[in-house]
Amino acid sequence: MGERTGSGAGVPVLPERFVADARGIPGGARWVRDWPGRLRERLTAWELDLDLLPGRAPWAGHCAVVLPVRRRHHGGQPAVLKLTVPHDEALTEPDALELWDGHGAVRLLAASRGDFALLLERLDGDRSLLDVPLDRTPAPWAEVFRELCIPAGTTAAWAGMPQLAAEAEQWTDTLPERWQHLGEPFPRWLLEAALDVCSGRGMVGRRWDRDVLVHSDLHYANLLPVSPGALGGFVAIDPKPVVGDAEYGLAPLLWNRLDELDAADPAGHLVAHAAALAAAAGLDQELAIGWTVVREVRNALSYLRDGARGDAERSLWVASSVLGRTLDGLPPAGELTGLSDASLHHRLRPRSA
């Protein structure tokens, strides 16, 4: 049962897990407390009717709630209302969706940036690229990824986008500091592999004409079919945009679905899968591997800081394995703590009437 957050008729109950996660975000406890009024305000402003079966909870991720709705004055057009607990990472989501304008990504119908509310087209949330066998995912993933990687521009929508080169420049300082602060928890060579990429792709000496808009969280569960019942015609949801090398976007596919790798040679299978994904998307494989190492080294340090040892082991396994030097002392790939893609699955077509 979810936790009841309001007494008004027709206000869906927020799932307990979401409530717990939201309360861990600054301002999240108040957001949860104000949930009934927040929902009603947005339904009224955008003239929406809830399209959720009685007694069903809305879909909720770590920091957002998604509800099926119908647009009252657009012929009952189905859509979804996404309400997000305010946090910095979500600030540029509507800007990215506007720039893509429905090409490769879910279409943005309306946005209220001040209260982190989005009205989106409704997709088939009962299926995703998770339902496609692992070794058949490169082609459909790459088709969407290439469409999303539009060249960097200078309009207002681009102004607030995170810049990968600037962040990489900062990481050359912060990664060694964090590594030392945590007692040098993994070999120096792995840290230096990440630093080599950061220094080479930072602010100095890079080719700015290669910069594109990158969906940096395009994992399997963030690709949904447009048409109900058809496992194809995927588009992206839940963008975490950044401007920089397209190769930065490969990593989320490599740290998910590890339990589906060939048990006889999981590291070899991972490297082969990375090569297939990079080739399908026209990426520089060496650079894509390099950015994967950077991202997983950063992830591992964050997990270790937070005491999440199992998650850190997964990140270290991926980072070292893609370099062909799997670290000793880690659990087998099939026993690593797995990311739950299902928990990240933004149901843009929750079951409704």
Protein backbone atom coordinates (compact mmCIF):
# COMPACT_ATOMS: atom_id res chain seq x y z
CA MET A 1 0.00 0.00 0.00
CA GLY A 2 1.20 3.52 -0.72
CA GLU A 3 1.32 6.31 1.79
CA ARG A 4 -1.73 8.53 1.71
CA THR A 5 -0.68 12.10 1.08
CA GLY A 6 -4.02 13.81 0.88
CA SER A 7 -7.68 13.25 1.55
CA GLY A 8 -9.29 14.81 -1.50
CA ALA A 9 -11.32 12.60 -3.78
CA GLY A 10 -9.52 11.57 -6.94
CA VAL A 11 -6.01 12.26 -5.61
CA PRO A 12 -3.84 9.19 -6.28
CA VAL A 13 -1.76 7.82 -3.44
CA LEU A 14 2.00 8.18 -3.81
CA PRO A 15 3.99 4.92 -3.57
CA GLU A 16 5.93 4.51 -0.34
CA ARG A 17 9.28 4.07 -2.09
CA PHE A 18 8.87 7.33 -3.97
CA VAL A 19 7.89 9.16 -0.77
CA ALA A 20 11.04 7.90 0.95
CA ASP A 21 13.24 8.91 -1.99
CA ALA A 22 11.58 12.31 -2.35
CA ARG A 23 12.08 13.14 1.30
CA GLY A 24 15.82 12.66 0.79
CA ILE A 25 15.86 15.57 -1.69
CA PRO A 26 16.07 19.12 -0.30
CA GLY A 27 12.51 20.42 -0.23
CA GLY A 28 11.13 16.97 -0.99
CA ALA A 29 9.22 16.53 2.26
CA ARG A 30 7.25 19.70 1.58
CA TRP A 31 6.68 18.61 -2.02
CA VAL A 32 5.15 15.35 -0.79
CA ARG A 33 3.01 17.17 1.75
CA ASP A 34 1.70 19.54 -0.93
CA TRP A 35 1.09 16.75 -3.47
CA PRO A 36 -2.74 16.94 -3.64
CA GLY A 37 -2.82 20.68 -4.24
CA ARG A 38 0.10 20.51 -6.65
CA LEU A 39 -1.64 17.89 -8.75
CA ARG A 40 -4.99 19.68 -8.78
CA GLU A 41 -3.35 22.96 -9.74
CA ARG A 42 -1.70 21.46 -12.80
CA LEU A 43 -4.81 19.50 -13.86
CA THR A 44 -6.81 22.73 -13.73
CA ALA A 45 -4.22 24.90 -15.47
CA TRP A 46 -3.81 22.51 -18.39
CA GLU A 47 -7.47 21.37 -18.46
CA LEU A 48 -6.66 17.72 -17.91
CA ASP A 49 -8.66 14.74 -16.67
CA LEU A 50 -6.92 11.90 -14.86
CA ASP A 51 -6.99 8.66 -16.85
CA LEU A 52 -5.92 6.31 -14.07
CA LEU A 53 -7.98 3.30 -13.04
CA PRO A 54 -9.50 3.71 -9.55
CA GLY A 55 -7.25 2.38 -6.83
CA ARG A 56 -4.13 2.31 -8.98
CA ALA A 57 -1.09 4.26 -7.87
CA PRO A 58 0.70 6.55 -10.31
CA TRP A 59 4.02 5.41 -11.67
CA ALA A 60 6.87 6.93 -9.69
CA GLY A 61 10.64 6.87 -10.09
CA HIS A 62 13.20 8.27 -7.70
CA CYS A 63 12.14 11.90 -8.01
CA ALA A 64 9.20 12.13 -10.43
CA VAL A 65 5.59 11.00 -10.65
CA VAL A 66 3.95 10.20 -14.00
CA LEU A 67 0.17 10.01 -14.44
CA PRO A 68 -1.95 9.23 -17.51
CA VAL A 69 -4.27 12.09 -18.39
CA ARG A 70 -6.54 13.25 -21.19
CA ARG A 71 -6.61 16.76 -22.63
CA ARG A 72 -10.15 17.97 -22.15
CA HIS A 73 -10.23 20.46 -25.03
CA HIS A 74 -8.12 18.46 -27.47
CA GLY A 75 -10.65 15.75 -28.18
CA GLY A 76 -9.64 13.78 -25.09
CA GLN A 77 -6.11 13.35 -26.45
CA PRO A 78 -4.15 10.91 -24.25
CA ALA A 79 -1.03 12.32 -22.63
CA VAL A 80 0.97 11.97 -19.43
CA LEU A 81 1.61 14.49 -16.70
CA LYS A 82 5.09 14.34 -15.19
CA LEU A 83 5.60 16.11 -11.87
CA THR A 84 9.18 16.22 -10.58
CA VAL A 85 10.58 17.04 -7.16
CA PRO A 86 12.70 20.13 -7.96
CA HIS A 87 16.41 19.42 -8.34
CA ASP A 88 19.15 20.82 -10.56
CA GLU A 89 19.46 17.80 -12.84
CA ALA A 90 15.87 18.25 -14.04
CA LEU A 91 16.22 21.92 -14.97
CA THR A 92 17.22 21.35 -18.59
CA GLU A 93 14.86 18.46 -19.40
CA PRO A 94 12.21 20.67 -21.06
CA ASP A 95 14.90 22.55 -23.01
CA ALA A 96 16.27 19.32 -24.46
CA LEU A 97 12.78 18.10 -25.36
CA GLU A 98 12.07 21.41 -27.09
CA LEU A 99 15.28 21.15 -29.10
CA TRP A 100 14.46 17.61 -30.22
CA ASP A 101 10.84 18.58 -30.96
CA GLY A 102 9.59 15.00 -31.01
CA HIS A 103 12.41 13.71 -33.23
CA GLY A 104 13.82 10.70 -31.42
CA ALA A 105 12.36 11.77 -28.08
CA VAL A 106 8.96 11.96 -26.45
CA ARG A 107 7.12 15.08 -27.58
CA LEU A 108 6.73 17.91 -25.10
CA LEU A 109 3.18 19.29 -25.15
CA ALA A 110 3.50 21.87 -22.37
CA ALA A 111 5.90 22.84 -19.61
CA SER A 112 5.66 24.77 -16.37
CA ARG A 113 9.32 25.21 -15.52
CA GLY A 114 8.70 26.94 -12.20
CA ASP A 115 7.07 23.89 -10.65
CA PHE A 116 8.94 21.24 -12.69
CA ALA A 117 5.79 20.03 -14.46
CA LEU A 118 5.72 18.59 -17.97
CA LEU A 119 2.88 17.44 -20.21
CA LEU A 120 4.14 14.76 -22.60
CA GLU A 121 2.76 12.58 -25.35
CA ARG A 122 1.69 9.16 -24.12
CA LEU A 123 3.85 6.23 -25.19
CA ASP A 124 3.62 2.48 -24.60
CA GLY A 125 5.00 2.21 -21.08
CA ASP A 126 4.30 -1.52 -20.95
CA ARG A 127 7.31 -2.21 -23.20
CA SER A 128 10.82 -0.88 -23.66
CA LEU A 129 14.16 -1.82 -25.16
CA LEU A 130 14.51 -4.08 -22.10
CA ASP A 131 12.18 -6.46 -23.92
CA VAL A 132 14.60 -6.82 -26.85
CA PRO A 133 17.32 -9.50 -26.48
CA LEU A 134 20.60 -7.90 -25.45
CA ASP A 135 22.54 -8.70 -28.61
CA ARG A 136 19.75 -7.27 -30.79
CA THR A 137 19.69 -3.88 -29.04
CA PRO A 138 22.52 -2.03 -30.86
CA ALA A 139 20.53 -1.19 -34.01
CA PRO A 140 17.36 0.22 -32.39
CA TRP A 141 19.37 2.04 -29.71
CA ALA A 142 21.71 3.57 -32.26
CA GLU A 143 18.87 4.70 -34.52
CA VAL A 144 17.44 6.84 -31.72
CA PHE A 145 20.80 7.92 -30.33
CA ARG A 146 21.98 9.27 -33.70
CA GLU A 147 18.78 11.25 -34.14
CA LEU A 148 19.18 12.85 -30.72
CA CYS A 149 22.80 13.92 -31.25
CA ILE A 150 22.05 17.26 -32.89
CA PRO A 151 24.92 19.77 -33.34
CA ALA A 152 25.34 22.30 -30.55
CA GLY A 153 23.64 25.64 -31.16
CA THR A 154 23.52 29.15 -29.73
CA THR A 155 19.81 29.75 -29.12
CA ALA A 156 18.39 30.36 -25.65
CA ALA A 157 17.47 26.70 -25.20
CA TRP A 158 21.17 25.80 -25.33
CA ALA A 159 22.31 28.38 -22.81
CA GLY A 160 21.85 26.38 -19.63
CA MET A 161 23.00 22.99 -20.91
CA PRO A 162 25.84 21.37 -18.95
CA GLN A 163 29.10 21.48 -20.90
CA LEU A 164 31.00 18.20 -20.79
CA ALA A 165 34.40 19.76 -21.51
CA ALA A 166 34.08 22.14 -18.57
CA GLU A 167 33.01 19.33 -16.25
CA ALA A 168 35.87 17.11 -17.43
CA GLU A 169 38.31 19.91 -16.64
CA GLN A 170 36.99 19.98 -13.07
CA TRP A 171 37.16 16.20 -12.74
CA THR A 172 40.92 16.25 -13.37
CA ASP A 173 41.17 17.91 -9.94
CA THR A 174 38.27 16.38 -8.03
CA LEU A 175 38.71 12.70 -8.95
CA PRO A 176 42.24 12.36 -7.46
CA GLU A 177 41.15 14.25 -4.36
CA ARG A 178 38.16 11.98 -3.80
CA TRP A 179 40.23 8.86 -4.51
CA GLN A 180 42.84 9.85 -1.92
CA HIS A 181 40.20 10.91 0.61
CA LEU A 182 38.64 7.43 0.39
CA GLY A 183 41.98 5.75 1.01
CA GLU A 184 42.91 4.89 -2.60
CA PRO A 185 40.18 2.21 -2.83
CA PHE A 186 41.16 0.88 -6.28
CA PRO A 187 44.39 0.76 -8.32
CA ARG A 188 45.94 4.00 -9.50
CA TRP A 189 46.05 2.82 -13.10
CA LEU A 190 42.25 2.84 -13.28
CA LEU A 191 42.08 6.36 -11.88
CA GLU A 192 44.75 7.50 -14.35
CA ALA A 193 42.82 5.97 -17.26
CA ALA A 194 39.89 8.21 -16.34
CA LEU A 195 42.11 11.26 -15.87
CA ASP A 196 43.73 10.77 -19.28
CA VAL A 197 40.32 11.10 -20.92
CA CYS A 198 39.36 14.12 -18.80
CA SER A 199 42.56 15.98 -19.59
CA GLY A 200 42.40 15.13 -23.29
CA ARG A 201 38.74 16.08 -23.69
CA GLY A 202 38.71 19.10 -21.37
CA MET A 203 38.61 22.76 -22.26
CA VAL A 204 42.06 22.94 -23.86
CA GLY A 205 42.88 21.46 -27.24
CA ARG A 206 39.54 19.83 -28.06
CA ARG A 207 37.50 20.06 -31.25
CA TRP A 208 34.43 22.10 -30.35
CA ASP A 209 32.86 21.43 -33.76
CA ARG A 210 32.21 17.84 -32.64
CA ASP A 211 29.95 18.88 -29.77
CA VAL A 212 26.39 17.60 -29.88
CA LEU A 213 23.43 17.38 -27.53
CA VAL A 214 23.81 14.05 -25.71
CA HIS A 215 21.10 12.15 -23.83
CA SER A 216 23.44 10.93 -21.09
CA ASP A 217 21.00 8.43 -19.56
CA LEU A 218 19.76 6.54 -22.61
CA HIS A 219 19.60 3.09 -21.05
CA TYR A 220 17.26 0.33 -22.17
CA ALA A 221 14.30 1.34 -20.02
CA ASN A 222 14.43 4.91 -21.31
CA LEU A 223 13.48 3.82 -24.83
CA LEU A 224 9.75 3.19 -25.25
CA PRO A 225 7.65 2.36 -28.31
CA VAL A 226 5.38 5.07 -29.66
CA SER A 227 2.65 2.64 -30.70
CA PRO A 228 0.93 0.38 -28.15
CA GLY A 229 1.61 -3.30 -28.65
CA ALA A 230 4.48 -2.85 -31.11
CA LEU A 231 8.04 -3.59 -29.99
CA GLY A 232 9.67 -1.08 -32.32
CA GLY A 233 9.59 2.58 -33.28
CA PHE A 234 11.32 3.58 -30.05
CA VAL A 235 11.74 7.11 -28.73
CA ALA A 236 13.68 8.39 -25.74
CA ILE A 237 12.34 9.61 -22.41
CA ASP A 238 13.78 11.16 -19.26
CA PRO A 239 16.70 13.07 -20.80
CA LYS A 240 19.74 14.06 -18.80
CA PRO A 241 21.22 16.38 -21.44
CA VAL A 242 24.84 17.43 -21.76
CA VAL A 243 26.69 19.13 -24.61
CA GLY A 244 29.90 17.43 -25.70
CA ASP A 245 31.21 14.21 -27.24
CA ALA A 246 28.51 11.85 -28.48
CA GLU A 247 30.63 9.01 -27.10
CA TYR A 248 29.72 10.09 -23.56
CA GLY A 249 26.29 8.54 -24.07
CA LEU A 250 27.31 4.88 -24.40
CA ALA A 251 28.05 4.05 -20.76
CA PRO A 252 24.52 3.52 -19.34
CA LEU A 253 24.04 0.55 -21.67
CA LEU A 254 27.19 -1.10 -20.31
CA TRP A 255 26.36 -0.85 -16.62
CA ASN A 256 22.89 -2.37 -17.09
CA ARG A 257 21.82 -5.96 -17.85
CA LEU A 258 25.12 -7.45 -16.65
CA ASP A 259 23.30 -10.64 -15.64
CA GLU A 260 22.59 -11.27 -19.34
CA LEU A 261 26.26 -11.39 -20.33
CA ASP A 262 27.78 -14.72 -21.37
CA ALA A 263 28.65 -16.44 -18.08
CA ALA A 264 31.68 -18.11 -19.67
CA ASP A 265 33.27 -14.77 -20.60
CA PRO A 266 31.24 -11.80 -19.31
CA ALA A 267 34.05 -9.28 -19.76
CA GLY A 268 34.61 -10.37 -23.34
CA HIS A 269 30.89 -10.19 -24.03
CA LEU A 270 30.75 -6.68 -22.52
CA VAL A 271 33.59 -5.47 -24.74
CA ALA A 272 31.97 -7.03 -27.81
CA HIS A 273 28.62 -5.45 -26.94
CA ALA A 274 30.30 -2.05 -26.52
CA ALA A 275 31.93 -2.46 -29.92
CA ALA A 276 28.60 -3.37 -31.54
CA LEU A 277 26.84 -0.38 -29.97
CA ALA A 278 29.61 2.02 -30.97
CA ALA A 279 29.71 0.72 -34.53
CA ALA A 280 25.94 0.93 -34.93
CA ALA A 281 25.92 4.55 -33.71
CA GLY A 282 29.02 5.60 -35.65
CA LEU A 283 30.96 6.36 -32.47
CA ASP A 284 34.70 6.31 -31.86
CA GLN A 285 34.92 3.06 -29.88
CA GLU A 286 38.11 4.01 -28.02
CA LEU A 287 36.66 7.33 -26.91
CA ALA A 288 33.34 5.72 -25.95
CA ILE A 289 35.24 3.22 -23.77
CA GLY A 290 37.24 6.09 -22.29
CA TRP A 291 34.15 8.04 -21.28
CA THR A 292 32.65 4.86 -19.83
CA VAL A 293 35.72 4.53 -17.61
CA VAL A 294 35.39 8.16 -16.51
CA ARG A 295 31.72 7.79 -15.66
CA GLU A 296 32.15 4.52 -13.80
CA VAL A 297 35.16 5.77 -11.82
CA ARG A 298 33.07 8.77 -10.77
CA ASN A 299 30.17 6.47 -9.93
CA ALA A 300 32.39 4.14 -7.90
CA LEU A 301 33.77 7.01 -5.83
CA SER A 302 30.25 8.29 -5.14
CA TYR A 303 29.02 4.83 -4.16
CA LEU A 304 32.00 4.29 -1.85
CA ARG A 305 31.41 7.65 -0.23
CA ASP A 306 27.80 6.63 0.43
CA GLY A 307 28.69 3.16 1.69
CA ALA A 308 27.09 1.39 -1.29
CA ARG A 309 29.80 -1.23 -1.72
CA GLY A 310 27.84 -3.50 -4.05
CA ASP A 311 27.14 -0.66 -6.46
CA ALA A 312 30.80 0.39 -6.32
CA GLU A 313 31.89 -3.15 -7.19
CA ARG A 314 29.62 -3.11 -10.23
CA SER A 315 31.08 0.19 -11.44
CA LEU A 316 34.65 -0.98 -10.90
CA TRP A 317 33.94 -4.23 -12.73
CA VAL A 318 32.57 -2.37 -15.75
CA ALA A 319 35.34 0.26 -15.78
CA SER A 320 38.15 -2.28 -15.58
CA SER A 321 36.52 -4.88 -17.84
CA VAL A 322 35.97 -2.53 -20.78
CA LEU A 323 39.73 -1.89 -20.63
CA GLY A 324 40.42 -5.63 -20.69
CA ARG A 325 41.86 -5.61 -17.15
CA THR A 326 39.09 -6.81 -14.84
CA LEU A 327 40.11 -6.09 -11.27
CA ASP A 328 40.81 -8.99 -8.95
CA GLY A 329 38.66 -9.49 -5.88
CA LEU A 330 35.34 -8.47 -7.43
CA PRO A 331 32.29 -10.77 -7.50
CA PRO A 332 31.52 -12.55 -10.79
CA ALA A 333 29.47 -10.44 -13.19
CA GLY A 334 26.35 -12.51 -12.56
CA GLU A 335 26.57 -11.82 -8.83
CA LEU A 336 27.17 -8.08 -9.00
CA THR A 337 24.56 -5.81 -7.51
CA GLY A 338 22.45 -4.89 -10.52
CA LEU A 339 20.82 -1.61 -11.37
CA SER A 340 17.09 -2.14 -11.56
CA ASP A 341 16.09 -0.83 -14.97
CA ALA A 342 12.50 -1.52 -13.98
CA SER A 343 12.81 0.97 -11.14
CA LEU A 344 13.98 3.58 -13.64
CA HIS A 345 11.20 2.80 -16.11
CA HIS A 346 9.21 5.96 -16.72
CA ARG A 347 5.80 4.60 -17.53
CA LEU A 348 4.64 7.08 -20.14
CA ARG A 349 1.63 4.90 -20.78
CA PRO A 350 0.48 3.68 -17.35
CA ARG A 351 -2.47 1.32 -17.51
CA SER A 352 -5.62 3.37 -17.66
CA ALA A 353 -9.26 2.94 -18.51
